[in-house]
Each structure stands twice: as structure tokens, then as C-alpha cells.
Amino acid sequence: MDTTYVITIAVVLVILIVGVILAPRFIRSNRSKEIQEKFGPEYDHTVEALGDKNKALTELEERQKHVNSLNIHPLSDIEHERYTADWAAVQSKFVDEPGQAIEAADRLIMEVMQVRAYPVSDFEQRAADISVSYPNLVSNYRAARAIALKNEQGQANTEELRQAMIYYRSLFDELLETESVMA
């Protein structure tokens, strides 16, 4: 055998071995970047909550699979009009009864989610599901929910309730997506 031929085979084998070793790292790095970009601040929240980037990636991918398995659909135009009117009533209630308005806003968010086919039995699951489609709003949803719980204990002040209403409103606006917008 020619020495050049042996060296060429050896170089090709080394390149293949290095490629096999580095490919999973490259794929994992790409996967991580894609998830970070899709989930934004929710990625950081999940990493912090789970204490590990790989666990966070797995968790966020599982959320995506879960939400993709659901039959989430937009509201009909009639439902959109109804819930827009319901929100206006909740908002007008805020002036005289801010605590009750926050409770009503929380219930209305859950109702719209339920109509759109999100599971609503558990808050953490709702937040996880919302994070897939609305990653930039889920931290506000969590904050609004924390204020709502504080309100239930009679410990939320008016400014906190106002902030919760703003948080709920931003998510509510996104949840009002209709079939005609999707078409």
C-alpha cells in the first residue's frame, strides 16, 4: 500500500470520528438556541426553577409536545364579541370593586382558555401551556395570579390589583384570537 493512501484513509477516519463525536454537541447546541429563542424569558425561568439547562430543555420540549397534542383552536367571531363584552364589564367593575374585578378577570381568562380547549384544572399546567404560545406573557400571568391569591387573603393593595388587571388584560387580548384572524 502506498503511504499517501494510508495517510488519506487515516485522515478521513479521524475526520469521521471527530464528526461523530461533535455532531451531538452541535445538535444539542442548536436545539438549545431554538428553545431559548422560542421561549425567551420562560427559558430562563425554567432553567432557574429546575436548576439545570438540560432538564429545562426537556421540560420545554415536553410542554410543546403536550400543547401540540391538544386541540387548541381560536374563538369564533361570536365568542370573541361575547368575551370582549365580558371583559369590558370586568374592567368597569374595577373602579368600585377592584378585588372582585381581579377574581372575575382570573375566572374569565380560565373560561376563554377552556373554550379554546386548554386544560384549566391546575394553574401550573395552565401557565406551562400558555408558555408555549405566549412565552412573553406567562411571567405576567404568574404575577397576576400571585396578586389574585394575595387579594383572596385581603393583602393586595390597589396598585397591585391595578397591575394584575394590566397583566390579565395583556394575556386576555392574546387569547381572544379568532378564526377570521387565523384565516
Protein backbone atom coordinates (compact mmCIF):
# COMPACT_ATOMS: atom_id res chain seq x y z
CA MET A 1 0.00 0.00 0.00
CA ASP A 2 1.08 3.47 -0.80
CA THR A 3 1.88 5.70 2.24
CA THR A 4 -0.18 8.55 0.82
CA TYR A 5 -3.17 6.23 0.54
CA VAL A 6 -2.82 5.09 4.17
CA ILE A 7 -2.44 8.68 5.38
CA THR A 8 -5.52 9.73 3.39
CA ILE A 9 -7.57 6.88 4.87
CA ALA A 10 -6.32 7.77 8.38
CA VAL A 11 -7.21 11.46 7.92
CA VAL A 12 -10.69 10.58 6.63
CA LEU A 13 -11.23 8.24 9.58
CA VAL A 14 -10.11 10.91 12.06
CA ILE A 15 -12.46 13.44 10.45
CA LEU A 16 -15.36 10.95 10.63
CA ILE A 17 -14.64 10.13 14.27
CA VAL A 18 -14.41 13.82 15.20
CA GLY A 19 -17.66 14.44 13.29
CA VAL A 20 -19.45 11.63 15.14
CA ILE A 21 -18.22 13.00 18.46
CA LEU A 22 -19.05 16.66 17.75
CA ALA A 23 -22.36 16.19 15.90
CA PRO A 24 -24.46 15.53 19.05
CA ARG A 25 -22.96 18.59 20.73
CA PHE A 26 -23.76 20.73 17.70
CA ILE A 27 -27.30 19.36 17.53
CA ARG A 28 -27.82 19.93 21.28
CA SER A 29 -26.45 23.48 20.97
CA ASN A 30 -28.80 24.21 18.06
CA ARG A 31 -31.74 22.72 19.95
CA SER A 32 -30.90 24.86 22.96
CA LYS A 33 -30.73 28.04 20.86
CA GLU A 34 -34.06 27.27 19.18
CA ILE A 35 -35.79 26.65 22.51
CA GLN A 36 -34.21 29.79 24.02
CA GLU A 37 -35.42 31.90 21.11
CA LYS A 38 -38.92 30.41 21.15
CA PHE A 39 -39.48 30.61 24.90
CA GLY A 40 -37.48 33.77 25.68
CA PRO A 41 -37.72 34.67 29.37
CA GLU A 42 -39.64 31.46 30.08
CA TYR A 43 -36.49 29.50 29.20
CA ASP A 44 -34.58 31.38 31.91
CA HIS A 45 -37.44 30.88 34.38
CA THR A 46 -37.48 27.13 33.70
CA VAL A 47 -33.70 26.80 33.98
CA GLU A 48 -33.85 28.63 37.32
CA ALA A 49 -36.78 26.54 38.55
CA LEU A 50 -35.23 23.20 37.55
CA GLY A 51 -31.62 24.15 38.22
CA ASP A 52 -30.31 22.53 35.05
CA LYS A 53 -30.30 23.56 31.38
CA ASN A 54 -30.81 20.04 30.04
CA LYS A 55 -33.77 19.46 32.35
CA ALA A 56 -35.20 22.81 31.27
CA LEU A 57 -34.81 21.93 27.59
CA THR A 58 -36.53 18.62 28.16
CA GLU A 59 -39.34 20.27 30.14
CA LEU A 60 -39.95 22.93 27.47
CA GLU A 61 -39.92 20.35 24.69
CA GLU A 62 -42.42 18.26 26.66
CA ARG A 63 -44.65 21.32 27.04
CA GLN A 64 -44.51 21.85 23.31
CA LYS A 65 -45.46 18.23 22.63
CA HIS A 66 -48.29 18.43 25.16
CA VAL A 67 -49.76 21.61 23.67
CA ASN A 68 -49.37 20.24 20.14
CA SER A 69 -51.38 17.19 21.20
CA LEU A 70 -54.27 19.40 22.33
CA ASN A 71 -56.98 20.59 20.00
CA ILE A 72 -56.48 24.28 20.81
CA HIS A 73 -58.49 26.45 18.48
CA PRO A 74 -59.29 30.14 18.09
CA LEU A 75 -62.55 31.68 19.19
CA SER A 76 -65.40 32.14 16.77
CA ASP A 77 -66.31 35.74 15.96
CA ILE A 78 -69.41 35.40 18.16
CA GLU A 79 -67.35 34.10 21.09
CA HIS A 80 -64.87 36.92 20.56
CA GLU A 81 -67.63 39.52 20.76
CA ARG A 82 -69.12 37.91 23.86
CA TYR A 83 -65.81 37.75 25.73
CA THR A 84 -64.88 41.27 24.68
CA ALA A 85 -68.13 42.46 26.26
CA ASP A 86 -67.49 40.32 29.35
CA TRP A 87 -64.04 41.87 29.72
CA ALA A 88 -65.48 45.38 29.44
CA ALA A 89 -67.85 44.53 32.31
CA VAL A 90 -64.97 43.18 34.41
CA GLN A 91 -62.89 46.25 33.72
CA SER A 92 -65.71 48.65 34.61
CA LYS A 93 -66.18 46.77 37.88
CA PHE A 94 -62.55 47.52 38.80
CA VAL A 95 -63.30 51.14 39.71
CA ASP A 96 -65.71 50.29 42.52
CA GLU A 97 -64.63 46.75 43.44
CA PRO A 98 -61.04 46.09 42.34
CA GLY A 99 -60.69 42.87 44.34
CA GLN A 100 -63.82 41.36 42.85
CA ALA A 101 -62.77 42.53 39.39
CA ILE A 102 -59.47 40.64 39.72
CA GLU A 103 -61.32 37.48 40.72
CA ALA A 104 -63.63 37.92 37.73
CA ALA A 105 -60.67 38.56 35.39
CA ASP A 106 -58.97 35.38 36.57
CA ARG A 107 -62.18 33.37 36.02
CA LEU A 108 -62.70 34.95 32.59
CA ILE A 109 -59.15 34.04 31.50
CA MET A 110 -59.82 30.44 32.55
CA GLU A 111 -63.15 30.41 30.74
CA VAL A 112 -61.63 31.66 27.49
CA MET A 113 -58.83 29.12 27.81
CA GLN A 114 -61.36 26.36 28.37
CA VAL A 115 -63.41 27.40 25.33
CA ARG A 116 -60.23 27.34 23.25
CA ALA A 117 -59.57 23.77 24.59
CA TYR A 118 -56.74 24.44 27.01
CA PRO A 119 -56.87 22.23 30.10
CA VAL A 120 -57.63 24.50 33.06
CA SER A 121 -57.74 22.30 36.15
CA ASP A 122 -54.34 23.29 37.54
CA PHE A 123 -52.72 26.74 37.46
CA GLU A 124 -49.18 25.46 36.90
CA GLN A 125 -50.35 23.39 33.94
CA ARG A 126 -52.23 26.41 32.55
CA ALA A 127 -49.10 28.54 32.86
CA ALA A 128 -46.98 25.82 31.23
CA ASP A 129 -49.45 25.50 28.35
CA ILE A 130 -49.67 29.27 27.91
CA SER A 131 -45.87 29.48 27.83
CA VAL A 132 -45.78 27.54 24.56
CA SER A 133 -47.90 30.04 22.61
CA TYR A 134 -47.34 33.17 24.70
CA PRO A 135 -43.88 32.85 26.28
CA ASN A 136 -43.51 36.60 26.80
CA LEU A 137 -46.79 36.81 28.72
CA VAL A 138 -46.57 33.82 31.03
CA SER A 139 -44.47 35.62 33.65
CA ASN A 140 -47.13 38.35 33.76
CA TYR A 141 -49.80 35.67 34.12
CA ARG A 142 -47.93 34.16 37.06
CA ALA A 143 -47.54 37.61 38.64
CA ALA A 144 -51.25 38.37 38.16
CA ARG A 145 -52.16 35.03 39.71
CA ALA A 146 -49.88 35.71 42.71
CA ILE A 147 -51.60 39.06 43.22
CA ALA A 148 -55.02 37.38 42.87
CA LEU A 149 -54.07 34.90 45.61
CA LYS A 150 -52.81 37.78 47.77
CA ASN A 151 -56.14 39.50 47.11
CA GLU A 152 -58.05 36.42 48.29
CA GLN A 153 -56.25 36.82 51.63
CA GLY A 154 -57.13 40.52 51.72
CA GLN A 155 -53.48 41.56 51.45
CA ALA A 156 -53.26 43.13 47.97
CA ASN A 157 -53.26 46.90 47.69
CA THR A 158 -54.96 48.87 44.91
CA GLU A 159 -51.74 49.38 42.95
CA GLU A 160 -51.05 45.65 42.95
CA LEU A 161 -54.60 44.96 41.81
CA ARG A 162 -54.22 47.52 39.03
CA GLN A 163 -51.02 45.81 37.90
CA ALA A 164 -52.73 42.41 37.99
CA MET A 165 -55.52 43.77 35.81
CA ILE A 166 -52.96 45.01 33.27
CA TYR A 167 -51.26 41.60 33.27
CA TYR A 168 -54.54 39.79 32.84
CA ARG A 169 -55.56 42.15 30.06
CA SER A 170 -52.42 41.51 28.02
CA LEU A 171 -52.97 37.75 28.14
CA PHE A 172 -56.70 38.11 27.57
CA ASP A 173 -56.08 40.14 24.41
CA GLU A 174 -53.87 37.36 23.04
CA LEU A 175 -56.35 34.64 23.97
CA LEU A 176 -59.10 36.45 22.03
CA GLU A 177 -57.62 35.26 18.74
CA THR A 178 -60.45 34.45 16.31
CA GLU A 179 -60.98 32.14 13.37
CA SER A 180 -61.18 35.10 10.98
CA VAL A 181 -57.74 36.34 12.12
CA MET A 182 -56.31 32.87 11.54
CA ALA A 183 -57.77 32.60 8.02
